[in-house]
């Protein structure tokens, strides 16, 4: 899961497609996202399958999005692949004078505002 998060952050579409061949991506919808972090909430692994519950946060167009998901992975040929997930998205608009949600302590307009 952490490697897929890193691939989203860096825009590594070939890696995302290798780790989820059933869900190909042609391009990421926006490279203007400012990723704020990944939190693994729980995980359960067996020999050839596993589940990971996570929360990822990002800012895009002055909107904070919290993406929570329980993802299902399978190990095929020695490689873990994303199979499916149950995503949930929550979004909040951020006012320019609010404290930035990235944790810097600065006002949003002086930090992550686009």
N, C-alpha and C. Protein backbone atom coordinates (compact mmCIF):
# COMPACT_ATOMS: atom_id res chain seq x y z
N UNK A 1 0.83 -1.19 0.00
CA UNK A 1 0.00 0.00 0.00
C UNK A 1 0.87 1.25 0.00
N UNK A 2 1.91 1.24 0.80
CA UNK A 2 2.77 2.42 0.86
C UNK A 2 3.43 2.69 -0.49
N UNK A 3 3.80 1.63 -1.20
CA UNK A 3 4.45 1.84 -2.50
C UNK A 3 3.45 2.42 -3.51
N UNK A 4 2.19 2.02 -3.45
CA UNK A 4 1.19 2.58 -4.36
C UNK A 4 0.93 4.04 -4.01
N UNK A 5 0.90 4.38 -2.72
CA UNK A 5 0.74 5.78 -2.31
C UNK A 5 1.88 6.61 -2.89
N UNK A 6 3.10 6.13 -2.74
CA UNK A 6 4.26 6.83 -3.27
C UNK A 6 4.15 7.01 -4.78
N UNK A 7 3.65 6.00 -5.47
CA UNK A 7 3.46 6.10 -6.92
C UNK A 7 2.43 7.17 -7.28
N UNK A 8 1.36 7.29 -6.49
CA UNK A 8 0.39 8.36 -6.74
C UNK A 8 1.04 9.72 -6.50
N UNK A 9 1.82 9.85 -5.43
CA UNK A 9 2.47 11.11 -5.11
C UNK A 9 3.44 11.54 -6.20
N UNK A 10 4.21 10.59 -6.73
CA UNK A 10 5.23 10.91 -7.73
C UNK A 10 4.73 10.82 -9.16
N UNK A 11 3.49 10.37 -9.36
CA UNK A 11 2.93 10.27 -10.71
C UNK A 11 3.46 9.08 -11.50
N UNK A 12 3.84 8.02 -10.81
CA UNK A 12 4.41 6.84 -11.46
C UNK A 12 3.29 5.92 -11.96
N UNK A 13 2.69 6.29 -13.09
CA UNK A 13 1.57 5.55 -13.68
C UNK A 13 1.98 4.12 -14.06
N UNK A 14 3.16 3.88 -14.67
CA UNK A 14 3.53 2.50 -15.00
C UNK A 14 3.53 1.57 -13.77
N UNK A 15 4.02 2.06 -12.63
CA UNK A 15 4.01 1.24 -11.42
C UNK A 15 2.58 0.97 -10.96
N UNK A 16 1.74 1.99 -10.98
CA UNK A 16 0.35 1.80 -10.58
C UNK A 16 -0.33 0.75 -11.45
N UNK A 17 -0.05 0.76 -12.74
CA UNK A 17 -0.65 -0.22 -13.65
C UNK A 17 -0.08 -1.62 -13.43
N UNK A 18 1.20 -1.72 -13.09
CA UNK A 18 1.78 -3.05 -12.81
C UNK A 18 1.19 -3.65 -11.54
N UNK A 19 0.86 -2.82 -10.58
CA UNK A 19 0.36 -3.32 -9.30
C UNK A 19 -1.17 -3.39 -9.25
N UNK A 20 -1.83 -3.02 -10.33
CA UNK A 20 -3.29 -3.12 -10.42
C UNK A 20 -3.68 -3.29 -11.89
N UNK A 21 -3.26 -4.40 -12.54
CA UNK A 21 -3.52 -4.55 -13.97
C UNK A 21 -5.01 -4.57 -14.34
N UNK A 22 -5.87 -4.92 -13.41
CA UNK A 22 -7.31 -4.93 -13.69
C UNK A 22 -7.92 -3.53 -13.64
N UNK A 23 -7.13 -2.55 -13.20
CA UNK A 23 -7.61 -1.16 -13.07
C UNK A 23 -6.61 -0.22 -13.73
N UNK A 24 -6.42 -0.29 -15.04
CA UNK A 24 -5.38 0.54 -15.68
C UNK A 24 -5.70 2.03 -15.60
N UNK A 25 -4.63 2.81 -15.50
CA UNK A 25 -4.71 4.26 -15.46
C UNK A 25 -3.93 4.79 -16.65
N UNK A 26 -4.53 5.66 -17.43
CA UNK A 26 -3.80 6.26 -18.55
C UNK A 26 -2.96 7.43 -18.09
N UNK A 27 -3.53 8.24 -17.23
CA UNK A 27 -2.80 9.37 -16.64
C UNK A 27 -3.51 9.72 -15.35
N UNK A 28 -2.80 10.34 -14.46
CA UNK A 28 -3.42 10.77 -13.22
C UNK A 28 -4.24 12.02 -13.50
N UNK A 29 -5.40 12.11 -12.90
CA UNK A 29 -6.32 13.21 -13.18
C UNK A 29 -5.72 14.57 -12.87
N UNK A 30 -4.87 14.63 -11.88
CA UNK A 30 -4.29 15.92 -11.55
C UNK A 30 -2.95 15.74 -10.86
N UNK A 31 -1.97 16.43 -11.38
CA UNK A 31 -0.67 16.44 -10.72
C UNK A 31 -0.57 17.65 -9.79
N UNK A 32 -1.68 18.41 -9.64
CA UNK A 32 -1.68 19.58 -8.77
C UNK A 32 -2.03 19.23 -7.33
N UNK A 33 -2.20 17.97 -7.05
CA UNK A 33 -2.51 17.57 -5.68
C UNK A 33 -1.28 17.72 -4.80
N UNK A 34 -1.51 18.24 -3.62
CA UNK A 34 -0.44 18.30 -2.61
C UNK A 34 -0.78 17.24 -1.58
N UNK A 35 -0.05 16.14 -1.63
CA UNK A 35 -0.31 15.02 -0.74
C UNK A 35 0.20 15.33 0.66
N UNK A 36 -0.61 15.01 1.67
CA UNK A 36 -0.29 15.34 3.05
C UNK A 36 0.07 14.13 3.89
N UNK A 37 -0.15 12.95 3.37
CA UNK A 37 0.25 11.78 4.14
C UNK A 37 -0.67 10.59 4.00
N UNK A 38 -0.13 9.47 4.42
CA UNK A 38 -0.82 8.19 4.41
C UNK A 38 -0.79 7.62 5.82
N UNK A 39 -1.92 7.13 6.26
CA UNK A 39 -2.02 6.50 7.57
C UNK A 39 -2.62 5.11 7.38
N UNK A 40 -1.89 4.07 7.78
CA UNK A 40 -2.41 2.71 7.72
C UNK A 40 -3.24 2.50 8.98
N UNK A 41 -4.51 2.20 8.80
CA UNK A 41 -5.42 2.03 9.93
C UNK A 41 -5.41 0.59 10.45
N UNK A 42 -5.33 -0.36 9.54
CA UNK A 42 -5.25 -1.77 9.92
C UNK A 42 -4.82 -2.58 8.70
N UNK A 43 -4.34 -3.78 8.97
CA UNK A 43 -3.98 -4.68 7.87
C UNK A 43 -4.12 -6.11 8.34
N UNK A 44 -4.41 -6.97 7.39
CA UNK A 44 -4.51 -8.40 7.66
C UNK A 44 -3.93 -9.11 6.45
N UNK A 45 -2.89 -9.89 6.66
CA UNK A 45 -2.23 -10.57 5.56
C UNK A 45 -2.27 -12.08 5.77
N UNK A 46 -2.51 -12.76 4.67
CA UNK A 46 -2.39 -14.21 4.63
C UNK A 46 -1.35 -14.52 3.58
N UNK A 47 -1.15 -15.78 3.25
CA UNK A 47 -0.09 -16.12 2.31
C UNK A 47 -0.29 -15.48 0.94
N UNK A 48 -1.50 -15.52 0.42
CA UNK A 48 -1.71 -15.02 -0.95
C UNK A 48 -2.75 -13.92 -1.06
N UNK A 49 -3.22 -13.39 0.07
CA UNK A 49 -4.19 -12.31 0.03
C UNK A 49 -4.08 -11.46 1.28
N UNK A 50 -4.58 -10.24 1.17
CA UNK A 50 -4.52 -9.35 2.31
C UNK A 50 -5.45 -8.17 2.15
N UNK A 51 -5.72 -7.50 3.27
CA UNK A 51 -6.56 -6.31 3.31
C UNK A 51 -5.80 -5.21 4.02
N UNK A 52 -5.93 -4.02 3.52
CA UNK A 52 -5.30 -2.86 4.16
C UNK A 52 -6.35 -1.75 4.23
N UNK A 53 -6.58 -1.24 5.42
CA UNK A 53 -7.44 -0.07 5.60
C UNK A 53 -6.51 1.13 5.79
N UNK A 54 -6.77 2.19 5.04
CA UNK A 54 -5.88 3.35 5.10
C UNK A 54 -6.66 4.65 4.99
N UNK A 55 -5.95 5.73 5.32
CA UNK A 55 -6.48 7.08 5.14
C UNK A 55 -5.37 7.91 4.48
N UNK A 56 -5.68 8.51 3.34
CA UNK A 56 -4.73 9.40 2.66
C UNK A 56 -5.37 10.77 2.57
N UNK A 57 -4.55 11.81 2.75
CA UNK A 57 -5.06 13.19 2.70
C UNK A 57 -4.31 13.96 1.63
N UNK A 58 -5.06 14.81 0.92
CA UNK A 58 -4.42 15.70 -0.06
C UNK A 58 -5.24 16.96 -0.24
N UNK A 59 -4.57 18.00 -0.75
CA UNK A 59 -5.22 19.27 -1.06
C UNK A 59 -5.15 19.46 -2.57
N UNK A 60 -6.28 19.82 -3.16
CA UNK A 60 -6.33 20.14 -4.58
C UNK A 60 -7.38 21.23 -4.77
N UNK A 61 -7.01 22.29 -5.46
CA UNK A 61 -7.93 23.41 -5.71
C UNK A 61 -8.55 23.94 -4.42
N UNK A 62 -7.72 24.11 -3.39
CA UNK A 62 -8.15 24.66 -2.10
C UNK A 62 -9.22 23.82 -1.39
N UNK A 63 -9.22 22.53 -1.69
CA UNK A 63 -10.13 21.60 -1.04
C UNK A 63 -9.31 20.48 -0.42
N UNK A 64 -9.54 20.23 0.86
CA UNK A 64 -8.90 19.12 1.55
C UNK A 64 -9.76 17.88 1.32
N UNK A 65 -9.14 16.82 0.83
CA UNK A 65 -9.83 15.54 0.63
C UNK A 65 -9.20 14.49 1.52
N UNK A 66 -10.05 13.77 2.23
CA UNK A 66 -9.61 12.63 3.03
C UNK A 66 -10.20 11.39 2.37
N UNK A 67 -9.31 10.55 1.85
CA UNK A 67 -9.68 9.32 1.16
C UNK A 67 -9.43 8.16 2.12
N UNK A 68 -10.50 7.51 2.54
CA UNK A 68 -10.40 6.34 3.40
C UNK A 68 -10.84 5.14 2.58
N UNK A 69 -10.12 4.04 2.72
CA UNK A 69 -10.45 2.87 1.90
C UNK A 69 -9.99 1.60 2.60
N UNK A 70 -10.74 0.53 2.37
CA UNK A 70 -10.30 -0.81 2.73
C UNK A 70 -10.01 -1.51 1.41
N UNK A 71 -8.74 -1.82 1.17
CA UNK A 71 -8.28 -2.38 -0.10
C UNK A 71 -7.99 -3.87 0.04
N UNK A 72 -8.29 -4.60 -1.02
CA UNK A 72 -8.02 -6.03 -1.07
C UNK A 72 -6.89 -6.28 -2.05
N UNK A 73 -5.88 -7.03 -1.63
CA UNK A 73 -4.72 -7.35 -2.45
C UNK A 73 -4.57 -8.86 -2.56
N UNK A 74 -4.01 -9.30 -3.69
CA UNK A 74 -3.65 -10.70 -3.89
C UNK A 74 -2.20 -10.78 -4.32
N UNK A 75 -1.53 -11.85 -3.88
CA UNK A 75 -0.16 -12.09 -4.30
C UNK A 75 -0.20 -13.06 -5.48
N UNK A 76 0.18 -12.55 -6.65
CA UNK A 76 0.17 -13.34 -7.88
C UNK A 76 1.58 -13.39 -8.44
N UNK A 77 2.13 -14.58 -8.57
CA UNK A 77 3.49 -14.71 -9.09
C UNK A 77 4.53 -14.02 -8.23
N UNK A 78 4.29 -13.95 -6.94
CA UNK A 78 5.25 -13.30 -6.04
C UNK A 78 5.10 -11.80 -5.93
N UNK A 79 4.14 -11.22 -6.64
CA UNK A 79 3.92 -9.76 -6.61
C UNK A 79 2.54 -9.45 -6.06
N UNK A 80 2.49 -8.51 -5.13
CA UNK A 80 1.21 -8.09 -4.57
C UNK A 80 0.52 -7.14 -5.54
N UNK A 81 -0.78 -7.40 -5.78
CA UNK A 81 -1.55 -6.57 -6.71
C UNK A 81 -2.85 -6.12 -6.05
N UNK A 82 -3.18 -4.87 -6.31
CA UNK A 82 -4.46 -4.30 -5.84
C UNK A 82 -5.57 -4.94 -6.65
N UNK A 83 -6.60 -5.44 -5.97
CA UNK A 83 -7.73 -6.09 -6.65
C UNK A 83 -8.98 -5.22 -6.59
N UNK A 84 -9.31 -4.74 -5.40
CA UNK A 84 -10.52 -3.92 -5.25
C UNK A 84 -10.45 -3.14 -3.95
N UNK A 85 -11.39 -2.22 -3.81
CA UNK A 85 -11.43 -1.43 -2.59
C UNK A 85 -12.80 -0.87 -2.33
N UNK A 86 -13.00 -0.41 -1.11
CA UNK A 86 -14.24 0.24 -0.70
C UNK A 86 -13.88 1.67 -0.30
N UNK A 87 -13.80 2.60 -1.29
CA UNK A 87 -13.36 3.96 -0.97
C UNK A 87 -14.47 4.82 -0.37
N UNK A 88 -14.05 5.80 0.40
CA UNK A 88 -14.93 6.79 0.98
C UNK A 88 -14.18 8.12 0.95
N UNK A 89 -14.79 9.16 0.41
CA UNK A 89 -14.14 10.47 0.29
C UNK A 89 -14.92 11.51 1.08
N UNK A 90 -14.18 12.32 1.82
CA UNK A 90 -14.77 13.48 2.51
C UNK A 90 -13.96 14.70 2.10
N UNK A 91 -14.67 15.80 1.81
CA UNK A 91 -13.99 17.00 1.33
C UNK A 91 -14.43 18.23 2.11
N UNK A 92 -13.46 19.16 2.31
CA UNK A 92 -13.72 20.42 2.98
C UNK A 92 -13.01 21.53 2.22
N UNK A 93 -13.70 22.63 1.98
CA UNK A 93 -13.05 23.81 1.41
C UNK A 93 -12.23 24.47 2.51
N UNK A 94 -11.09 25.02 2.11
CA UNK A 94 -10.20 25.66 3.08
C UNK A 94 -10.16 27.15 2.79
N UNK A 95 -10.50 27.96 3.77
CA UNK A 95 -10.43 29.42 3.62
C UNK A 95 -8.97 29.86 3.67
N UNK A 96 -8.66 30.90 2.94
CA UNK A 96 -7.27 31.36 2.82
C UNK A 96 -6.61 31.70 4.16
N UNK A 97 -7.39 32.20 5.12
CA UNK A 97 -6.81 32.61 6.41
C UNK A 97 -6.86 31.52 7.47
N UNK A 98 -7.35 30.33 7.12
CA UNK A 98 -7.35 29.22 8.08
C UNK A 98 -5.95 28.66 8.23
N UNK A 99 -5.72 27.96 9.32
CA UNK A 99 -4.45 27.26 9.50
C UNK A 99 -4.39 26.13 8.48
N UNK A 100 -3.24 26.00 7.84
CA UNK A 100 -3.08 25.00 6.78
C UNK A 100 -3.19 23.59 7.37
N UNK A 101 -3.96 22.70 6.74
CA UNK A 101 -4.11 21.34 7.26
C UNK A 101 -2.87 20.47 7.09
N UNK A 102 -1.83 20.97 6.45
CA UNK A 102 -0.62 20.16 6.27
C UNK A 102 0.18 20.04 7.56
N UNK A 103 -0.15 20.87 8.55
CA UNK A 103 0.54 20.79 9.83
C UNK A 103 1.68 21.79 10.00
N UNK A 104 1.87 22.68 9.04
CA UNK A 104 2.97 23.64 9.12
C UNK A 104 2.76 24.71 10.18
N UNK A 105 1.51 24.96 10.55
CA UNK A 105 1.20 26.03 11.49
C UNK A 105 1.00 27.38 10.81
N UNK A 106 1.25 27.46 9.51
CA UNK A 106 1.08 28.70 8.75
C UNK A 106 -0.37 28.83 8.29
N UNK A 107 -0.73 30.04 7.90
CA UNK A 107 -2.02 30.24 7.25
C UNK A 107 -2.00 29.54 5.90
N UNK A 108 -3.16 29.05 5.50
CA UNK A 108 -3.27 28.30 4.25
C UNK A 108 -2.75 29.12 3.06
N UNK A 109 -3.08 30.43 3.02
CA UNK A 109 -2.69 31.27 1.88
C UNK A 109 -1.16 31.41 1.78
N UNK A 110 -0.44 31.20 2.86
CA UNK A 110 1.03 31.33 2.84
C UNK A 110 1.72 29.96 2.75
N UNK A 111 0.91 28.89 2.61
CA UNK A 111 1.49 27.56 2.64
C UNK A 111 1.09 26.76 1.40
N UNK A 112 0.00 26.03 1.47
CA UNK A 112 -0.37 25.08 0.41
C UNK A 112 -1.43 25.60 -0.54
N UNK A 113 -1.88 26.84 -0.38
CA UNK A 113 -2.92 27.38 -1.28
C UNK A 113 -2.43 27.35 -2.72
N UNK A 114 -3.35 27.01 -3.62
CA UNK A 114 -3.00 26.96 -5.05
C UNK A 114 -3.33 28.24 -5.73
